[in-house]
PDB file of N, CA and C in Angstrom:
ATOM      1  N   MET A   1     121.448 112.394 129.931  1.00  0.00           N
ATOM      2  CA  MET A   1     120.084 112.042 130.260  1.00  0.00           C
ATOM      3  C   MET A   1     120.096 110.686 130.970  1.00  0.00           C
ATOM      4  N   THR A   2     119.383 110.608 132.058  1.00  0.00           N
ATOM      5  CA  THR A   2     119.348 109.366 132.839  1.00  0.00           C
ATOM      6  C   THR A   2     118.424 108.354 132.168  1.00  0.00           C
ATOM      7  N   PRO A   3     118.591 107.080 132.497  1.00  0.00           N
ATOM      8  CA  PRO A   3     117.722 106.048 131.904  1.00  0.00           C
ATOM      9  C   PRO A   3     116.230 106.288 132.189  1.00  0.00           C
ATOM     10  N   THR A   4     115.908 106.791 133.358  1.00  0.00           N
ATOM     11  CA  THR A   4     114.508 107.070 133.700  1.00  0.00           C
ATOM     12  C   THR A   4     113.947 108.184 132.821  1.00  0.00           C
ATOM     13  N   GLN A   5     114.752 109.220 132.626  1.00  0.00           N
ATOM     14  CA  GLN A   5     114.311 110.323 131.776  1.00  0.00           C
ATOM     15  C   GLN A   5     114.151 109.860 130.335  1.00  0.00           C
ATOM     16  N   GLU A   6     115.048 108.996 129.902  1.00  0.00           N
ATOM     17  CA  GLU A   6     114.979 108.494 128.532  1.00  0.00           C
ATOM     18  C   GLU A   6     113.729 107.645 128.319  1.00  0.00           C
ATOM     19  N   SER A   7     113.402 106.769 129.275  1.00  0.00           N
ATOM     20  CA  SER A   7     112.209 105.941 129.136  1.00  0.00           C
ATOM     21  C   SER A   7     110.941 106.787 129.213  1.00  0.00           C
ATOM     22  N   THR A   8     110.973 107.829 130.041  1.00  0.00           N
ATOM     23  CA  THR A   8     109.835 108.750 130.119  1.00  0.00           C
ATOM     24  C   THR A   8     109.652 109.474 128.800  1.00  0.00           C
ATOM     25  N   ARG A   9     110.741 109.875 128.207  1.00  0.00           N
ATOM     26  CA  ARG A   9     110.700 110.574 126.911  1.00  0.00           C
ATOM     27  C   ARG A   9     110.141 109.668 125.821  1.00  0.00           C
ATOM     28  N   LYS A  10     110.561 108.398 125.808  1.00  0.00           N
ATOM     29  CA  LYS A  10     110.050 107.452 124.820  1.00  0.00           C
ATOM     30  C   LYS A  10     108.545 107.235 125.001  1.00  0.00           C
ATOM     31  N   ALA A  11     108.110 107.122 126.251  1.00  0.00           N
ATOM     32  CA  ALA A  11     106.686 106.943 126.530  1.00  0.00           C
ATOM     33  C   ALA A  11     105.889 108.160 126.069  1.00  0.00           C
ATOM     34  N   GLU A  12     106.412 109.350 126.313  1.00  0.00           N
ATOM     35  CA  GLU A  12     105.738 110.568 125.870  1.00  0.00           C
ATOM     36  C   GLU A  12     105.644 110.621 124.354  1.00  0.00           C
ATOM     37  N   ASN A  13     106.696 110.201 123.663  1.00  0.00           N
ATOM     38  CA  ASN A  13     106.671 110.170 122.201  1.00  0.00           C
ATOM     39  C   ASN A  13     105.629 109.190 121.686  1.00  0.00           C
ATOM     40  N   ARG A  14     105.499 108.040 122.335  1.00  0.00           N
ATOM     41  CA  ARG A  14     104.487 107.053 121.929  1.00  0.00           C
ATOM     42  C   ARG A  14     103.077 107.595 122.149  1.00  0.00           C
ATOM     43  N   ILE A  15     102.879 108.253 123.289  1.00  0.00           N
ATOM     44  CA  ILE A  15     101.565 108.838 123.581  1.00  0.00           C
ATOM     45  C   ILE A  15     101.234 109.914 122.550  1.00  0.00           C
ATOM     46  N   HIS A  16     102.206 110.729 122.227  1.00  0.00           N
ATOM     47  CA  HIS A  16     101.997 111.765 121.215  1.00  0.00           C
ATOM     48  C   HIS A  16     101.659 111.139 119.864  1.00  0.00           C
ATOM     49  N   ALA A  17     102.311 110.039 119.519  1.00  0.00           N
ATOM     50  CA  ALA A  17     102.048 109.364 118.250  1.00  0.00           C
ATOM     51  C   ALA A  17     100.621 108.823 118.199  1.00  0.00           C
ATOM     52  N   ILE A  18     100.157 108.206 119.284  1.00  0.00           N
ATOM     53  CA  ILE A  18      98.798 107.662 119.289  1.00  0.00           C
ATOM     54  C   ILE A  18      97.776 108.783 119.223  1.00  0.00           C
ATOM     55  N   ARG A  19      98.040 109.884 119.881  1.00  0.00           N
ATOM     56  CA  ARG A  19      97.119 111.021 119.813  1.00  0.00           C
ATOM     57  C   ARG A  19      97.030 111.577 118.395  1.00  0.00           C
ATOM     58  N   ARG A  20      98.163 111.679 117.726  1.00  0.00           N
ATOM     59  CA  ARG A  20      98.151 112.155 116.337  1.00  0.00           C
ATOM     60  C   ARG A  20      97.379 111.213 115.430  1.00  0.00           C
ATOM     61  N   ARG A  21      97.606 109.899 115.594  1.00  0.00           N
ATOM     62  CA  ARG A  21      96.897 108.916 114.766  1.00  0.00           C
ATOM     63  C   ARG A  21      95.396 108.951 115.029  1.00  0.00           C
ATOM     64  N   GLN A  22      94.999 109.060 116.293  1.00  0.00           N
ATOM     65  CA  GLN A  22      93.575 109.095 116.614  1.00  0.00           C
ATOM     66  C   GLN A  22      92.922 110.398 116.138  1.00  0.00           C
ATOM     67  N   LEU A  23      93.628 111.510 116.253  1.00  0.00           N
ATOM     68  CA  LEU A  23      93.098 112.766 115.743  1.00  0.00           C
ATOM     69  C   LEU A  23      92.932 112.697 114.235  1.00  0.00           C
ATOM     70  N   SER A  24      93.911 112.136 113.562  1.00  0.00           N
ATOM     71  CA  SER A  24      93.818 111.979 112.112  1.00  0.00           C
ATOM     72  C   SER A  24      92.619 111.114 111.732  1.00  0.00           C
ATOM     73  N   LEU A  25      92.423 110.019 112.455  1.00  0.00           N
ATOM     74  CA  LEU A  25      91.273 109.152 112.197  1.00  0.00           C
ATOM     75  C   LEU A  25      89.967 109.895 112.474  1.00  0.00           C
ATOM     76  N   ALA A  26      89.896 110.601 113.598  1.00  0.00           N
ATOM     77  CA  ALA A  26      88.669 111.321 113.963  1.00  0.00           C
ATOM     78  C   ALA A  26      88.317 112.381 112.922  1.00  0.00           C
ATOM     79  N   LEU A  27      89.300 113.133 112.478  1.00  0.00           N
ATOM     80  CA  LEU A  27      89.039 114.157 111.461  1.00  0.00           C
ATOM     81  C   LEU A  27      88.717 113.528 110.109  1.00  0.00           C
ATOM     82  N   GLY A  28      89.393 112.436 109.800  1.00  0.00           N
ATOM     83  CA  GLY A  28      89.143 111.754 108.531  1.00  0.00           C
ATOM     84  C   GLY A  28      87.757 111.142 108.447  1.00  0.00           C
ATOM     85  N   VAL A  29      87.189 110.789 109.578  1.00  0.00           N
ATOM     86  CA  VAL A  29      85.833 110.228 109.620  1.00  0.00           C
ATOM     87  C   VAL A  29      84.813 111.335 109.887  1.00  0.00           C
ATOM     88  N   GLY A  30      85.104 112.200 110.834  1.00  0.00           N
ATOM     89  CA  GLY A  30      84.146 113.198 111.278  1.00  0.00           C
ATOM     90  C   GLY A  30      83.816 114.259 110.252  1.00  0.00           C
ATOM     91  N   ILE A  31      84.811 114.782 109.592  1.00  0.00           N
ATOM     92  CA  ILE A  31      84.561 115.856 108.625  1.00  0.00           C
ATOM     93  C   ILE A  31      83.689 115.369 107.467  1.00  0.00           C
ATOM     94  N   PRO A  32      84.012 114.239 106.818  1.00  0.00           N
ATOM     95  CA  PRO A  32      83.115 113.767 105.745  1.00  0.00           C
ATOM     96  C   PRO A  32      81.712 113.406 106.260  1.00  0.00           C
ATOM     97  N   TYR A  33      81.629 112.823 107.456  1.00  0.00           N
ATOM     98  CA  TYR A  33      80.324 112.460 108.010  1.00  0.00           C
ATOM     99  C   TYR A  33      79.459 113.696 108.225  1.00  0.00           C
ATOM    100  N   PHE A  34      79.986 114.699 108.915  1.00  0.00           N
ATOM    101  CA  PHE A  34      79.194 115.897 109.174  1.00  0.00           C
ATOM    102  C   PHE A  34      78.900 116.665 107.891  1.00  0.00           C
ATOM    103  N   THR A  35      79.812 116.635 106.940  1.00  0.00           N
ATOM    104  CA  THR A  35      79.553 117.263 105.641  1.00  0.00           C
ATOM    105  C   THR A  35      78.385 116.576 104.951  1.00  0.00           C
ATOM    106  N   ALA A  36      78.365 115.247 104.972  1.00  0.00           N
ATOM    107  CA  ALA A  36      77.273 114.499 104.337  1.00  0.00           C
ATOM    108  C   ALA A  36      75.942 114.794 105.029  1.00  0.00           C
ATOM    109  N   ILE A  37      75.937 114.839 106.349  1.00  0.00           N
ATOM    110  CA  ILE A  37      74.706 115.117 107.090  1.00  0.00           C
ATOM    111  C   ILE A  37      74.201 116.524 106.771  1.00  0.00           C
ATOM    112  N   ILE A  38      75.089 117.490 106.785  1.00  0.00           N
ATOM    113  CA  ILE A  38      74.686 118.870 106.484  1.00  0.00           C
ATOM    114  C   ILE A  38      74.174 118.975 105.053  1.00  0.00           C
ATOM    115  N   CYS A  39      74.852 118.318 104.115  1.00  0.00           N
ATOM    116  CA  CYS A  39      74.405 118.345 102.715  1.00  0.00           C
ATOM    117  C   CYS A  39      73.038 117.700 102.558  1.00  0.00           C
ATOM    118  N   MET A  40      72.783 116.613 103.290  1.00  0.00           N
ATOM    119  CA  MET A  40      71.491 115.957 103.213  1.00  0.00           C
ATOM    120  C   MET A  40      70.391 116.894 103.720  1.00  0.00           C
ATOM    121  N   PHE A  41      70.609 117.520 104.865  1.00  0.00           N
ATOM    122  CA  PHE A  41      69.618 118.453 105.391  1.00  0.00           C
ATOM    123  C   PHE A  41      69.442 119.657 104.459  1.00  0.00           C
ATOM    124  N   LEU A  42      70.534 120.126 103.901  1.00  0.00           N
ATOM    125  CA  LEU A  42      70.466 121.250 102.974  1.00  0.00           C
ATOM    126  C   LEU A  42      69.691 120.871 101.716  1.00  0.00           C
ATOM    127  N   ALA A  43      69.930 119.677 101.199  1.00  0.00           N
ATOM    128  CA  ALA A  43      69.204 119.209 100.015  1.00  0.00           C
ATOM    129  C   ALA A  43      67.711 119.095 100.304  1.00  0.00           C
ATOM    130  N   VAL A  44      67.365 118.558 101.467  1.00  0.00           N
ATOM    131  CA  VAL A  44      65.953 118.453 101.840  1.00  0.00           C
ATOM    132  C   VAL A  44      65.341 119.847 101.951  1.00  0.00           C
ATOM    133  N   TYR A  45      66.079 120.779 102.481  1.00  0.00           N
ATOM    134  CA  TYR A  45      65.572 122.146 102.621  1.00  0.00           C
ATOM    135  C   TYR A  45      65.403 122.822 101.253  1.00  0.00           C
ATOM    136  N   LEU A  46      66.422 122.691 100.401  1.00  0.00           N
ATOM    137  CA  LEU A  46      66.399 123.402  99.119  1.00  0.00           C
ATOM    138  C   LEU A  46      65.451 122.777  98.098  1.00  0.00           C
ATOM    139  N   ILE A  47      65.380 121.467  98.050  1.00  0.00           N
ATOM    140  CA  ILE A  47      64.498 120.815  97.080  1.00  0.00           C
ATOM    141  C   ILE A  47      63.415 120.018  97.805  1.00  0.00           C
ATOM    142  N   GLY A  48      62.911 120.604  98.878  1.00  0.00           N
ATOM    143  CA  GLY A  48      61.935 119.939  99.726  1.00  0.00           C
ATOM    144  C   GLY A  48      60.683 119.497  98.994  1.00  0.00           C
ATOM    145  N   ALA A  49      60.179 120.306  98.063  1.00  0.00           N
ATOM    146  CA  ALA A  49      58.949 119.963  97.359  1.00  0.00           C
ATOM    147  C   ALA A  49      59.119 118.675  96.539  1.00  0.00           C
ATOM    148  N   GLN A  50      60.240 118.554  95.843  1.00  0.00           N
ATOM    149  CA  GLN A  50      60.473 117.356  95.039  1.00  0.00           C
ATOM    150  C   GLN A  50      60.692 116.132  95.926  1.00  0.00           C
ATOM    151  N   VAL A  51      61.419 116.311  97.018  1.00  0.00           N
ATOM    152  CA  VAL A  51      61.692 115.196  97.919  1.00  0.00           C
ATOM    153  C   VAL A  51      60.419 114.793  98.659  1.00  0.00           C
ATOM    154  N   ALA A  52      59.610 115.763  99.037  1.00  0.00           N
ATOM    155  CA  ALA A  52      58.375 115.471  99.767  1.00  0.00           C
ATOM    156  C   ALA A  52      57.350 114.761  98.893  1.00  0.00           C
ATOM    157  N   SER A  53      57.446 114.944  97.595  1.00  0.00           N
ATOM    158  CA  SER A  53      56.471 114.295  96.708  1.00  0.00           C
ATOM    159  C   SER A  53      56.736 112.797  96.545  1.00  0.00           C
ATOM    160  N   VAL A  54      57.932 112.354  96.855  1.00  0.00           N
ATOM    161  CA  VAL A  54      58.262 110.930  96.787  1.00  0.00           C
ATOM    162  C   VAL A  54      57.827 110.270  98.086  1.00  0.00           C
ATOM    163  N   LYS A  55      57.004 109.236  97.973  1.00  0.00           N
ATOM    164  CA  LYS A  55      56.495 108.537  99.155  1.00  0.00           C
ATOM    165  C   LYS A  55      57.170 107.174  99.283  1.00  0.00           C
ATOM    166  N   LEU A  56      57.472 106.807 100.515  1.00  0.00           N
ATOM    167  CA  LEU A  56      58.060 105.501 100.826  1.00  0.00           C
ATOM    168  C   LEU A  56      57.311 104.945 102.030  1.00  0.00           C
ATOM    169  N   LEU A  57      56.577 103.870 101.814  1.00  0.00           N
ATOM    170  CA  LEU A  57      55.729 103.277 102.857  1.00  0.00           C
ATOM    171  C   LEU A  57      54.752 104.293 103.453  1.00  0.00           C
ATOM    172  N   GLY A  58      54.248 105.174 102.611  1.00  0.00           N
ATOM    173  CA  GLY A  58      53.259 106.146 103.046  1.00  0.00           C
ATOM    174  C   GLY A  58      53.816 107.422 103.647  1.00  0.00           C
ATOM    175  N   PHE A  59      55.130 107.505 103.825  1.00  0.00           N
ATOM    176  CA  PHE A  59      55.749 108.703 104.391  1.00  0.00           C
ATOM    177  C   PHE A  59      56.584 109.401 103.319  1.00  0.00           C
ATOM    178  N   PRO A  60      56.672 110.720 103.384  1.00  0.00           N
ATOM    179  CA  PRO A  60      57.526 111.439 102.433  1.00  0.00           C
ATOM    180  C   PRO A  60      58.993 111.024 102.599  1.00  0.00           C
ATOM    181  N   LEU A  61      59.720 111.033 101.497  1.00  0.00           N
ATOM    182  CA  LEU A  61      61.126 110.610 101.495  1.00  0.00           C
ATOM    183  C   LEU A  61      61.970 111.419 102.476  1.00  0.00           C
ATOM    184  N   HIS A  62      61.682 112.708 102.610  1.00  0.00           N
ATOM    185  CA  HIS A  62      62.524 113.516 103.497  1.00  0.00           C
ATOM    186  C   HIS A  62      62.382 113.091 104.957  1.00  0.00           C
ATOM    187  N   TYR A  63      61.249 112.524 105.351  1.00  0.00           N
ATOM    188  CA  TYR A  63      61.137 111.974 106.710  1.00  0.00           C
ATOM    189  C   TYR A  63      62.123 110.835 106.897  1.00  0.00           C
ATOM    190  N   TRP A  64      62.189 109.966 105.907  1.00  0.00           N
ATOM    191  CA  TRP A  64      63.103 108.823 105.986  1.00  0.00           C
ATOM    192  C   TRP A  64      64.553 109.275 106.020  1.00  0.00           C
ATOM    193  N   LEU A  65      64.870 110.286 105.232  1.00  0.00           N
ATOM    194  CA  LEU A  65      66.260 110.752 105.168  1.00  0.00           C
ATOM    195  C   LEU A  65      66.726 111.372 106.473  1.00  0.00           C
ATOM    196  N   VAL A  66      65.938 112.288 107.023  1.00  0.00           N
ATOM    197  CA  VAL A  66      66.406 113.029 108.194  1.00  0.00           C
ATOM    198  C   VAL A  66      66.045 112.379 109.527  1.00  0.00           C
ATOM    199  N   ALA A  67      65.078 111.468 109.528  1.00  0.00           N
ATOM    200  CA  ALA A  67      64.652 110.887 110.802  1.00  0.00           C
ATOM    201  C   ALA A  67      65.019 109.419 110.959  1.00  0.00           C
ATOM    202  N   VAL A  68      65.248 108.716 109.864  1.00  0.00           N
ATOM    203  CA  VAL A  68      65.502 107.274 109.966  1.00  0.00           C
ATOM    204  C   VAL A  68      66.879 106.900 109.440  1.00  0.00           C
ATOM    205  N   ALA A  69      67.233 107.318 108.252  1.00  0.00           N
ATOM    206  CA  ALA A  69      68.467 106.867 107.595  1.00  0.00           C
ATOM    207  C   ALA A  69      69.730 107.309 108.322  1.00  0.00           C
ATOM    208  N   VAL A  70      69.668 108.407 109.024  1.00  0.00           N
ATOM    209  CA  VAL A  70      70.846 108.945 109.700  1.00  0.00           C
ATOM    210  C   VAL A  70      71.343 107.997 110.800  1.00  0.00           C
ATOM    211  N   TYR A  71      70.443 107.365 111.516  1.00  0.00           N
ATOM    212  CA  TYR A  71      70.832 106.591 112.704  1.00  0.00           C
ATOM    213  C   TYR A  71      71.613 105.316 112.403  1.00  0.00           C
ATOM    214  N   PRO A  72      71.199 104.473 111.467  1.00  0.00           N
ATOM    215  CA  PRO A  72      72.027 103.290 111.184  1.00  0.00           C
ATOM    216  C   PRO A  72      73.419 103.657 110.660  1.00  0.00           C
ATOM    217  N   VAL A  73      73.474 104.701 109.858  1.00  0.00           N
ATOM    218  CA  VAL A  73      74.779 105.150 109.347  1.00  0.00           C
ATOM    219  C   VAL A  73      75.648 105.636 110.506  1.00  0.00           C
ATOM    220  N   THR A  74      75.065 106.420 111.392  1.00  0.00           N
ATOM    221  CA  THR A  74      75.801 106.942 112.543  1.00  0.00           C
ATOM    222  C   THR A  74      76.296 105.805 113.434  1.00  0.00           C
ATOM    223  N   TRP A  75      75.416 104.856 113.760  1.00  0.00           N
ATOM    224  CA  TRP A  75      75.812 103.737 114.616  1.00  0.00           C
ATOM    225  C   TRP A  75      76.882 102.866 113.966  1.00  0.00           C
ATOM    226  N   GLY A  76      76.730 102.596 112.686  1.00  0.00           N
ATOM    227  CA  GLY A  76      77.738 101.797 111.983  1.00  0.00           C
ATOM    228  C   GLY A  76      79.098 102.475 111.997  1.00  0.00           C
ATOM    229  N   LEU A  77      79.106 103.754 111.711  1.00  0.00           N
ATOM    230  CA  LEU A  77      80.350 104.519 111.719  1.00  0.00           C
ATOM    231  C   LEU A  77      80.942 104.586 113.122  1.00  0.00           C
ATOM    232  N   PHE A  78      80.090 104.755 114.111  1.00  0.00           N
ATOM    233  CA  PHE A  78      80.528 104.807 115.513  1.00  0.00           C
ATOM    234  C   PHE A  78      81.192 103.487 115.922  1.00  0.00           C
ATOM    235  N   ILE A  79      80.556 102.381 115.617  1.00  0.00           N
ATOM    236  CA  ILE A  79      81.099 101.065 115.985  1.00  0.00           C
ATOM    237  C   ILE A  79      82.433 100.823 115.289  1.00  0.00           C
ATOM    238  N   TRP A  80      82.521 101.153 114.012  1.00  0.00           N
ATOM    239  CA  TRP A  80      83.778 100.977 113.269  1.00  0.00           C
ATOM    240  C   TRP A  80      84.875 101.860 113.864  1.00  0.00           C
ATOM    241  N   TYR A  81      84.551 103.135 114.158  1.00  0.00           N
ATOM    242  CA  TYR A  81      85.534 104.073 114.673  1.00  0.00           C
ATOM    243  C   TYR A  81      86.079 103.629 116.031  1.00  0.00           C
ATOM    244  N   VAL A  82      85.203 103.223 116.938  1.00  0.00           N
ATOM    245  CA  VAL A  82      85.637 102.810 118.267  1.00  0.00           C
ATOM    246  C   VAL A  82      86.538 101.579 118.169  1.00  0.00           C
ATOM    247  N   GLY A  83      86.176 100.627 117.301  1.00  0.00           N
ATOM    248  CA  GLY A  83      87.026  99.450 117.110  1.00  0.00           C
ATOM    249  C   GLY A  83      88.403  99.821 116.587  1.00  0.00           C
ATOM    250  N   LYS A  84      88.438 100.715 115.616  1.00  0.00           N
ATOM    251  CA  LYS A  84      89.715 101.160 115.038  1.00  0.00           C
ATOM    252  C   LYS A  84      90.560 101.901 116.083  1.00  0.00           C
ATOM    253  N   ALA A  85      89.937 102.789 116.856  1.00  0.00           N
ATOM    254  CA  ALA A  85      90.668 103.531 117.895  1.00  0.00           C
ATOM    255  C   ALA A  85      91.200 102.581 118.963  1.00  0.00           C
ATOM    256  N   ASN A  86      90.416 101.592 119.344  1.00  0.00           N
ATOM    257  CA  ASN A  86      90.876 100.608 120.333  1.00  0.00           C
ATOM    258  C   ASN A  86      92.045  99.785 119.804  1.00  0.00           C
ATOM    259  N   ARG A  87      92.001  99.424 118.527  1.00  0.00           N
ATOM    260  CA  ARG A  87      93.137  98.681 117.936  1.00  0.00           C
ATOM    261  C   ARG A  87      94.402  99.531 117.949  1.00  0.00           C
ATOM    262  N   MET A  88      94.259 100.816 117.682  1.00  0.00           N
ATOM    263  CA  MET A  88      95.424 101.711 117.734  1.00  0.00           C
ATOM    264  C   MET A  88      96.019 101.733 119.139  1.00  0.00           C
ATOM    265  N   GLU A  89      95.169 101.841 120.147  1.00  0.00           N
ATOM    266  CA  GLU A  89      95.654 101.867 121.522  1.00  0.00           C
ATOM    267  C   GLU A  89      96.301 100.528 121.898  1.00  0.00           C
ATOM    268  N   ASP A  90      95.735  99.417 121.434  1.00  0.00           N
ATOM    269  CA  ASP A  90      96.320  98.105 121.704  1.00  0.00           C
ATOM    270  C   ASP A  90      97.711  97.987 121.081  1.00  0.00           C
ATOM    271  N   GLU A  91      97.878  98.535 119.867  1.00  0.00           N
ATOM    272  CA  GLU A  91      99.194  98.500 119.227  1.00  0.00           C
ATOM    273  C   GLU A  91     100.226  99.249 120.056  1.00  0.00           C
ATOM    274  N   ILE A  92      99.862 100.395 120.549  1.00  0.00           N
ATOM    275  CA  ILE A  92     100.783 101.190 121.363  1.00  0.00           C
ATOM    276  C   ILE A  92     101.081 100.454 122.671  1.00  0.00           C
ATOM    277  N   GLU A  93     100.067  99.856 123.275  1.00  0.00           N
ATOM    278  CA  GLU A  93     100.263  99.132 124.516  1.00  0.00           C
ATOM    279  C   GLU A  93     101.234  97.955 124.330  1.00  0.00           C
ATOM    280  N   GLU A  94     101.103  97.265 123.187  1.00  0.00           N
ATOM    281  CA  GLU A  94     102.004  96.142 122.895  1.00  0.00           C
ATOM    282  C   GLU A  94     103.442  96.629 122.705  1.00  0.00           C
ATOM    283  N   GLU A  95     103.584  97.801 122.084  1.00  0.00           N
ATOM    284  CA  GLU A  95     104.926  98.357 121.883  1.00  0.00           C
ATOM    285  C   GLU A  95     105.586  98.705 123.204  1.00  0.00           C
ATOM    286  N   VAL A  96     104.804  99.206 124.145  1.00  0.00           N
ATOM    287  CA  VAL A  96     105.335  99.649 125.438  1.00  0.00           C
ATOM    288  C   VAL A  96     105.762  98.436 126.260  1.00  0.00           C
ATOM    289  N   MET A  97     104.984  97.363 126.212  1.00  0.00           N
ATOM    290  CA  MET A  97     105.279  96.198 127.052  1.00  0.00           C
ATOM    291  C   MET A  97     106.309  95.325 126.438  1.00  0.00           C
TER     292      MET A  97
END
């Protein structure tokens, strides 16, 4: 194997490693997040009468859960995930250089 082929192979292995790490992170964050969102909507659907009877600032609790609470959680998770993914890419970039 020539030196060029060897360096290309090492670069491909590093790229494969970062893809595996990012996929693992995405699945580790995404699956629990979507499960929680689906469970919240399912809970509101199944026990809607009890949830609707609870008022918060004049609005039923289920409005707050499905229309308001989801967004700060989503944005917080998004910001954390992007930062973590960028740090992973920076680590790989430092290894290559």
